[in-house]
Amino acid sequence: MIKTIYAAGDENVGPMLSGEGFLGSFSAGNLIEKVATVFSMIIGFLTIIGIIILLFTIISAGIMWMNSGGDPQKVEMAQKKLTNSFIGLILIIGAVFIVSLLGNLLFGVDLMDLGGLFERLSF
């Protein structure tokens, strides 16, 4: 819809930003909510990928340890890999906590409530 707007006119042109997309209806009023939704989806996806990589790393470290045959160097490599895996787990948990905290403080939206955010999406 295109309206003719005059500089001295008293006509209310309504919301300037509006439309329909894969995230549902869009207007300037709910922009922060839509950005938070997209951000939450990205963070959730990256968290799931990080946990999958973490599980594979822990399993491969266990296999390395079992196949070391008592060789001290191979056992040490497996222990380092396992230690690094648990450090990665702590980093993932810390990142999720920080993102959730910042989302609540800055936007007033729980970025990690993926269930609630997916319910608001309309495809």
N, C-alpha and C. Protein backbone atom coordinates (compact mmCIF):
# COMPACT_ATOMS: atom_id res chain seq x y z
N MET A 1 0.85 -1.17 0.00
CA MET A 1 0.00 0.00 0.00
C MET A 1 0.89 1.23 0.00
N ILE A 2 0.68 2.11 -0.95
CA ILE A 2 1.45 3.34 -1.06
C ILE A 2 0.50 4.52 -0.86
N LYS A 3 0.86 5.40 0.06
CA LYS A 3 0.06 6.59 0.32
C LYS A 3 0.84 7.82 -0.10
N THR A 4 0.13 8.77 -0.59
CA THR A 4 0.73 10.05 -0.90
C THR A 4 0.78 10.85 0.39
N ILE A 5 1.94 11.36 0.73
CA ILE A 5 2.11 12.11 1.97
C ILE A 5 2.54 13.52 1.61
N TYR A 6 1.83 14.49 2.17
CA TYR A 6 2.16 15.89 1.95
C TYR A 6 2.83 16.45 3.20
N ALA A 7 3.76 17.36 3.01
CA ALA A 7 4.53 17.90 4.13
C ALA A 7 3.65 18.62 5.13
N ALA A 8 2.62 19.28 4.69
CA ALA A 8 1.77 20.04 5.60
C ALA A 8 0.48 19.29 5.92
N GLY A 9 0.37 18.05 5.55
CA GLY A 9 -0.87 17.30 5.73
C GLY A 9 -1.04 16.83 7.17
N ASP A 10 -2.31 16.62 7.55
CA ASP A 10 -2.63 16.14 8.89
C ASP A 10 -2.99 14.66 8.88
N GLU A 11 -2.83 14.01 7.75
CA GLU A 11 -3.23 12.62 7.62
C GLU A 11 -2.29 11.71 8.41
N ASN A 12 -2.86 10.80 9.18
CA ASN A 12 -2.08 9.81 9.92
C ASN A 12 -1.71 8.70 8.95
N VAL A 13 -0.43 8.52 8.73
CA VAL A 13 0.02 7.53 7.75
C VAL A 13 0.14 6.14 8.36
N GLY A 14 -0.01 6.00 9.64
CA GLY A 14 0.05 4.69 10.27
C GLY A 14 1.49 4.22 10.44
N PRO A 15 1.65 2.96 10.79
CA PRO A 15 3.01 2.45 10.99
C PRO A 15 3.78 2.44 9.67
N MET A 16 4.99 2.93 9.72
CA MET A 16 5.80 3.00 8.52
C MET A 16 6.45 1.66 8.20
N LEU A 17 6.73 0.87 9.20
CA LEU A 17 7.32 -0.43 8.98
C LEU A 17 6.28 -1.50 9.24
N SER A 18 5.96 -2.25 8.23
CA SER A 18 5.04 -3.37 8.43
C SER A 18 5.28 -4.38 7.33
N GLY A 19 4.87 -5.60 7.58
CA GLY A 19 5.05 -6.64 6.58
C GLY A 19 4.78 -8.00 7.18
N GLU A 20 4.95 -9.02 6.36
CA GLU A 20 4.72 -10.40 6.76
C GLU A 20 5.92 -11.21 6.30
N GLY A 21 6.45 -12.05 7.17
CA GLY A 21 7.61 -12.86 6.82
C GLY A 21 7.58 -14.18 7.54
N PHE A 22 8.71 -14.89 7.52
CA PHE A 22 8.75 -16.21 8.13
C PHE A 22 8.65 -16.15 9.64
N LEU A 23 8.86 -14.98 10.25
CA LEU A 23 8.72 -14.84 11.69
C LEU A 23 7.35 -14.30 12.07
N GLY A 24 6.44 -14.24 11.11
CA GLY A 24 5.10 -13.73 11.39
C GLY A 24 4.99 -12.27 10.99
N SER A 25 3.97 -11.62 11.52
CA SER A 25 3.77 -10.22 11.18
C SER A 25 4.88 -9.37 11.81
N PHE A 26 5.19 -8.30 11.14
CA PHE A 26 6.30 -7.46 11.57
C PHE A 26 5.83 -6.02 11.64
N SER A 27 6.18 -5.36 12.71
CA SER A 27 5.97 -3.92 12.82
C SER A 27 7.09 -3.36 13.67
N ALA A 28 7.22 -2.06 13.66
CA ALA A 28 8.31 -1.44 14.41
C ALA A 28 8.19 -1.71 15.90
N GLY A 29 6.98 -1.93 16.40
CA GLY A 29 6.76 -2.15 17.83
C GLY A 29 7.32 -3.46 18.33
N ASN A 30 7.30 -4.50 17.51
CA ASN A 30 7.78 -5.80 17.99
C ASN A 30 9.13 -6.17 17.40
N LEU A 31 9.89 -5.20 16.95
CA LEU A 31 11.19 -5.46 16.36
C LEU A 31 12.14 -6.12 17.35
N ILE A 32 12.18 -5.63 18.58
CA ILE A 32 13.09 -6.20 19.59
C ILE A 32 12.73 -7.65 19.86
N GLU A 33 11.46 -7.95 19.91
CA GLU A 33 11.03 -9.34 20.14
C GLU A 33 11.46 -10.25 18.99
N LYS A 34 11.34 -9.76 17.76
CA LYS A 34 11.74 -10.57 16.60
C LYS A 34 13.25 -10.77 16.56
N VAL A 35 14.01 -9.72 16.87
CA VAL A 35 15.47 -9.85 16.91
C VAL A 35 15.86 -10.83 18.01
N ALA A 36 15.21 -10.76 19.15
CA ALA A 36 15.48 -11.69 20.24
C ALA A 36 15.14 -13.11 19.84
N THR A 37 14.07 -13.29 19.08
CA THR A 37 13.69 -14.62 18.62
C THR A 37 14.75 -15.20 17.70
N VAL A 38 15.19 -14.42 16.73
CA VAL A 38 16.23 -14.89 15.80
C VAL A 38 17.52 -15.17 16.56
N PHE A 39 17.90 -14.28 17.46
CA PHE A 39 19.11 -14.46 18.25
C PHE A 39 19.02 -15.72 19.10
N SER A 40 17.85 -15.96 19.67
CA SER A 40 17.65 -17.16 20.49
C SER A 40 17.78 -18.42 19.66
N MET A 41 17.25 -18.39 18.45
CA MET A 41 17.36 -19.55 17.57
C MET A 41 18.81 -19.83 17.22
N ILE A 42 19.58 -18.79 16.95
CA ILE A 42 20.99 -18.96 16.60
C ILE A 42 21.77 -19.50 17.80
N ILE A 43 21.56 -18.91 18.97
CA ILE A 43 22.25 -19.36 20.18
C ILE A 43 21.88 -20.81 20.52
N GLY A 44 20.61 -21.14 20.40
CA GLY A 44 20.18 -22.51 20.67
C GLY A 44 20.81 -23.50 19.72
N PHE A 45 20.88 -23.15 18.44
CA PHE A 45 21.49 -24.01 17.44
C PHE A 45 22.98 -24.21 17.73
N LEU A 46 23.69 -23.12 18.03
CA LEU A 46 25.12 -23.23 18.33
C LEU A 46 25.37 -24.02 19.61
N THR A 47 24.49 -23.89 20.59
CA THR A 47 24.62 -24.65 21.83
C THR A 47 24.47 -26.14 21.57
N ILE A 48 23.49 -26.50 20.76
CA ILE A 48 23.29 -27.92 20.43
C ILE A 48 24.49 -28.47 19.68
N ILE A 49 25.02 -27.72 18.72
CA ILE A 49 26.20 -28.17 17.99
C ILE A 49 27.39 -28.32 18.93
N GLY A 50 27.57 -27.37 19.84
CA GLY A 50 28.66 -27.46 20.82
C GLY A 50 28.56 -28.69 21.70
N ILE A 51 27.35 -29.02 22.13
CA ILE A 51 27.17 -30.20 22.98
C ILE A 51 27.42 -31.48 22.20
N ILE A 52 27.01 -31.52 20.92
CA ILE A 52 27.28 -32.70 20.10
C ILE A 52 28.78 -32.89 19.91
N ILE A 53 29.49 -31.81 19.62
CA ILE A 53 30.95 -31.89 19.48
C ILE A 53 31.58 -32.32 20.80
N LEU A 54 31.07 -31.81 21.91
CA LEU A 54 31.57 -32.17 23.23
C LEU A 54 31.42 -33.68 23.47
N LEU A 55 30.27 -34.23 23.14
CA LEU A 55 30.05 -35.67 23.34
C LEU A 55 31.01 -36.50 22.49
N PHE A 56 31.20 -36.11 21.22
CA PHE A 56 32.14 -36.84 20.38
C PHE A 56 33.57 -36.74 20.91
N THR A 57 33.93 -35.59 21.43
CA THR A 57 35.28 -35.41 21.98
C THR A 57 35.49 -36.26 23.22
N ILE A 58 34.50 -36.32 24.10
CA ILE A 58 34.61 -37.14 25.30
C ILE A 58 34.70 -38.62 24.92
N ILE A 59 33.88 -39.06 23.96
CA ILE A 59 33.92 -40.46 23.52
C ILE A 59 35.27 -40.78 22.89
N SER A 60 35.77 -39.89 22.05
CA SER A 60 37.07 -40.17 21.40
C SER A 60 38.21 -40.15 22.42
N ALA A 61 38.13 -39.31 23.46
CA ALA A 61 39.16 -39.32 24.51
C ALA A 61 39.11 -40.64 25.27
N GLY A 62 37.90 -41.15 25.54
CA GLY A 62 37.79 -42.44 26.21
C GLY A 62 38.35 -43.57 25.37
N ILE A 63 38.07 -43.53 24.08
CA ILE A 63 38.61 -44.56 23.18
C ILE A 63 40.13 -44.47 23.12
N MET A 64 40.66 -43.24 23.06
CA MET A 64 42.13 -43.07 23.06
C MET A 64 42.73 -43.65 24.33
N TRP A 65 42.09 -43.42 25.45
CA TRP A 65 42.60 -43.90 26.73
C TRP A 65 42.59 -45.43 26.77
N MET A 66 41.49 -46.02 26.30
CA MET A 66 41.39 -47.48 26.31
C MET A 66 42.39 -48.12 25.35
N ASN A 67 42.67 -47.46 24.23
CA ASN A 67 43.59 -48.01 23.23
C ASN A 67 45.04 -47.61 23.46
N SER A 68 45.33 -46.94 24.57
CA SER A 68 46.69 -46.47 24.81
C SER A 68 47.64 -47.61 25.12
N GLY A 69 47.13 -48.69 25.61
CA GLY A 69 47.98 -49.85 25.90
C GLY A 69 48.99 -49.59 27.00
N GLY A 70 48.69 -48.65 27.87
CA GLY A 70 49.60 -48.35 28.97
C GLY A 70 50.72 -47.39 28.60
N ASP A 71 50.76 -46.91 27.37
CA ASP A 71 51.78 -45.95 26.94
C ASP A 71 51.50 -44.62 27.64
N PRO A 72 52.45 -44.13 28.46
CA PRO A 72 52.21 -42.89 29.23
C PRO A 72 51.90 -41.67 28.36
N GLN A 73 52.51 -41.58 27.19
CA GLN A 73 52.26 -40.42 26.32
C GLN A 73 50.83 -40.43 25.78
N LYS A 74 50.35 -41.61 25.39
CA LYS A 74 49.00 -41.71 24.86
C LYS A 74 47.96 -41.49 25.96
N VAL A 75 48.26 -41.98 27.16
CA VAL A 75 47.36 -41.76 28.29
C VAL A 75 47.29 -40.26 28.60
N GLU A 76 48.44 -39.61 28.58
CA GLU A 76 48.48 -38.17 28.86
C GLU A 76 47.72 -37.38 27.79
N MET A 77 47.84 -37.79 26.52
CA MET A 77 47.08 -37.11 25.45
C MET A 77 45.58 -37.28 25.66
N ALA A 78 45.17 -38.49 26.04
CA ALA A 78 43.75 -38.74 26.29
C ALA A 78 43.26 -37.93 27.48
N GLN A 79 44.06 -37.83 28.53
CA GLN A 79 43.67 -37.04 29.69
C GLN A 79 43.56 -35.56 29.34
N LYS A 80 44.48 -35.05 28.52
CA LYS A 80 44.40 -33.65 28.10
C LYS A 80 43.15 -33.40 27.26
N LYS A 81 42.83 -34.35 26.39
CA LYS A 81 41.65 -34.20 25.55
C LYS A 81 40.38 -34.22 26.41
N LEU A 82 40.37 -35.09 27.41
CA LEU A 82 39.22 -35.16 28.31
C LEU A 82 39.11 -33.88 29.15
N THR A 83 40.24 -33.38 29.64
CA THR A 83 40.26 -32.13 30.40
C THR A 83 39.75 -30.97 29.54
N ASN A 84 40.23 -30.89 28.31
CA ASN A 84 39.78 -29.83 27.41
C ASN A 84 38.29 -29.95 27.11
N SER A 85 37.79 -31.16 27.04
CA SER A 85 36.35 -31.37 26.82
C SER A 85 35.54 -30.80 27.97
N PHE A 86 35.97 -31.06 29.19
CA PHE A 86 35.23 -30.54 30.35
C PHE A 86 35.37 -29.03 30.48
N ILE A 87 36.50 -28.48 30.06
CA ILE A 87 36.64 -27.02 30.02
C ILE A 87 35.65 -26.45 28.99
N GLY A 88 35.51 -27.13 27.85
CA GLY A 88 34.53 -26.71 26.84
C GLY A 88 33.11 -26.76 27.37
N LEU A 89 32.80 -27.79 28.17
CA LEU A 89 31.47 -27.89 28.78
C LEU A 89 31.21 -26.71 29.70
N ILE A 90 32.19 -26.36 30.50
CA ILE A 90 32.05 -25.22 31.41
C ILE A 90 31.85 -23.93 30.61
N LEU A 91 32.58 -23.79 29.49
CA LEU A 91 32.43 -22.60 28.65
C LEU A 91 31.04 -22.53 28.02
N ILE A 92 30.52 -23.67 27.58
CA ILE A 92 29.17 -23.69 27.00
C ILE A 92 28.13 -23.29 28.03
N ILE A 93 28.22 -23.87 29.22
CA ILE A 93 27.26 -23.54 30.28
C ILE A 93 27.37 -22.07 30.67
N GLY A 94 28.61 -21.56 30.76
CA GLY A 94 28.80 -20.15 31.09
C GLY A 94 28.26 -19.23 30.01
N ALA A 95 28.45 -19.59 28.74
CA ALA A 95 27.94 -18.76 27.65
C ALA A 95 26.42 -18.72 27.65
N VAL A 96 25.79 -19.87 27.90
CA VAL A 96 24.33 -19.91 27.95
C VAL A 96 23.82 -19.04 29.10
N PHE A 97 24.49 -19.11 30.24
CA PHE A 97 24.09 -18.29 31.39
C PHE A 97 24.24 -16.81 31.09
N ILE A 98 25.37 -16.42 30.50
CA ILE A 98 25.63 -15.01 30.20
C ILE A 98 24.62 -14.48 29.17
N VAL A 99 24.35 -15.27 28.12
CA VAL A 99 23.39 -14.83 27.10
C VAL A 99 22.01 -14.67 27.71
N SER A 100 21.61 -15.61 28.55
CA SER A 100 20.31 -15.52 29.19
C SER A 100 20.23 -14.29 30.10
N LEU A 101 21.27 -14.04 30.85
CA LEU A 101 21.31 -12.89 31.75
C LEU A 101 21.26 -11.58 30.97
N LEU A 102 22.06 -11.47 29.92
CA LEU A 102 22.08 -10.24 29.12
C LEU A 102 20.76 -10.03 28.40
N GLY A 103 20.14 -11.11 27.94
CA GLY A 103 18.84 -10.98 27.28
C GLY A 103 17.79 -10.44 28.21
N ASN A 104 17.80 -10.91 29.45
CA ASN A 104 16.83 -10.41 30.43
C ASN A 104 17.12 -8.98 30.83
N LEU A 105 18.40 -8.62 30.98
CA LEU A 105 18.75 -7.27 31.41
C LEU A 105 18.57 -6.24 30.30
N LEU A 106 19.00 -6.56 29.08
CA LEU A 106 18.98 -5.58 28.00
C LEU A 106 17.65 -5.52 27.27
N PHE A 107 17.07 -6.68 26.96
CA PHE A 107 15.86 -6.71 26.14
C PHE A 107 14.60 -7.01 26.93
N GLY A 108 14.75 -7.56 28.12
CA GLY A 108 13.58 -7.98 28.88
C GLY A 108 12.94 -9.23 28.31
N VAL A 109 13.71 -9.99 27.53
CA VAL A 109 13.21 -11.20 26.89
C VAL A 109 14.11 -12.36 27.29
N ASP A 110 13.50 -13.50 27.62
CA ASP A 110 14.29 -14.68 27.96
C ASP A 110 14.75 -15.32 26.67
N LEU A 111 16.00 -15.09 26.28
CA LEU A 111 16.52 -15.58 25.02
C LEU A 111 16.66 -17.10 24.98
N MET A 112 16.73 -17.73 26.13
CA MET A 112 16.93 -19.17 26.15
C MET A 112 15.63 -19.95 26.31
N ASP A 113 14.50 -19.28 26.32
CA ASP A 113 13.21 -19.96 26.38
C ASP A 113 12.79 -20.32 24.96
N LEU A 114 13.43 -21.35 24.41
CA LEU A 114 13.18 -21.71 23.02
C LEU A 114 11.75 -22.20 22.82
N GLY A 115 11.18 -22.91 23.78
CA GLY A 115 9.81 -23.39 23.64
C GLY A 115 8.83 -22.24 23.52
N GLY A 116 8.96 -21.25 24.38
CA GLY A 116 8.08 -20.09 24.33
C GLY A 116 8.27 -19.27 23.07
N LEU A 117 9.53 -19.16 22.62
CA LEU A 117 9.78 -18.40 21.41
C LEU A 117 9.26 -19.11 20.17
N PHE A 118 9.38 -20.45 20.13
CA PHE A 118 8.86 -21.19 18.98
C PHE A 118 7.34 -21.14 18.93
N GLU A 119 6.68 -21.05 20.08
CA GLU A 119 5.22 -20.93 20.10
C GLU A 119 4.77 -19.61 19.49
N ARG A 120 5.58 -18.57 19.62
CA ARG A 120 5.21 -17.26 19.07
C ARG A 120 5.48 -17.15 17.58
N LEU A 121 6.29 -18.06 17.04
CA LEU A 121 6.59 -18.01 15.61
C LEU A 121 5.41 -18.53 14.81
N SER A 122 5.19 -17.96 13.65
CA SER A 122 4.16 -18.48 12.75
C SER A 122 4.80 -18.68 11.38
N PHE A 123 4.80 -19.91 10.93
CA PHE A 123 5.44 -20.22 9.65
C PHE A 123 4.41 -20.33 8.56
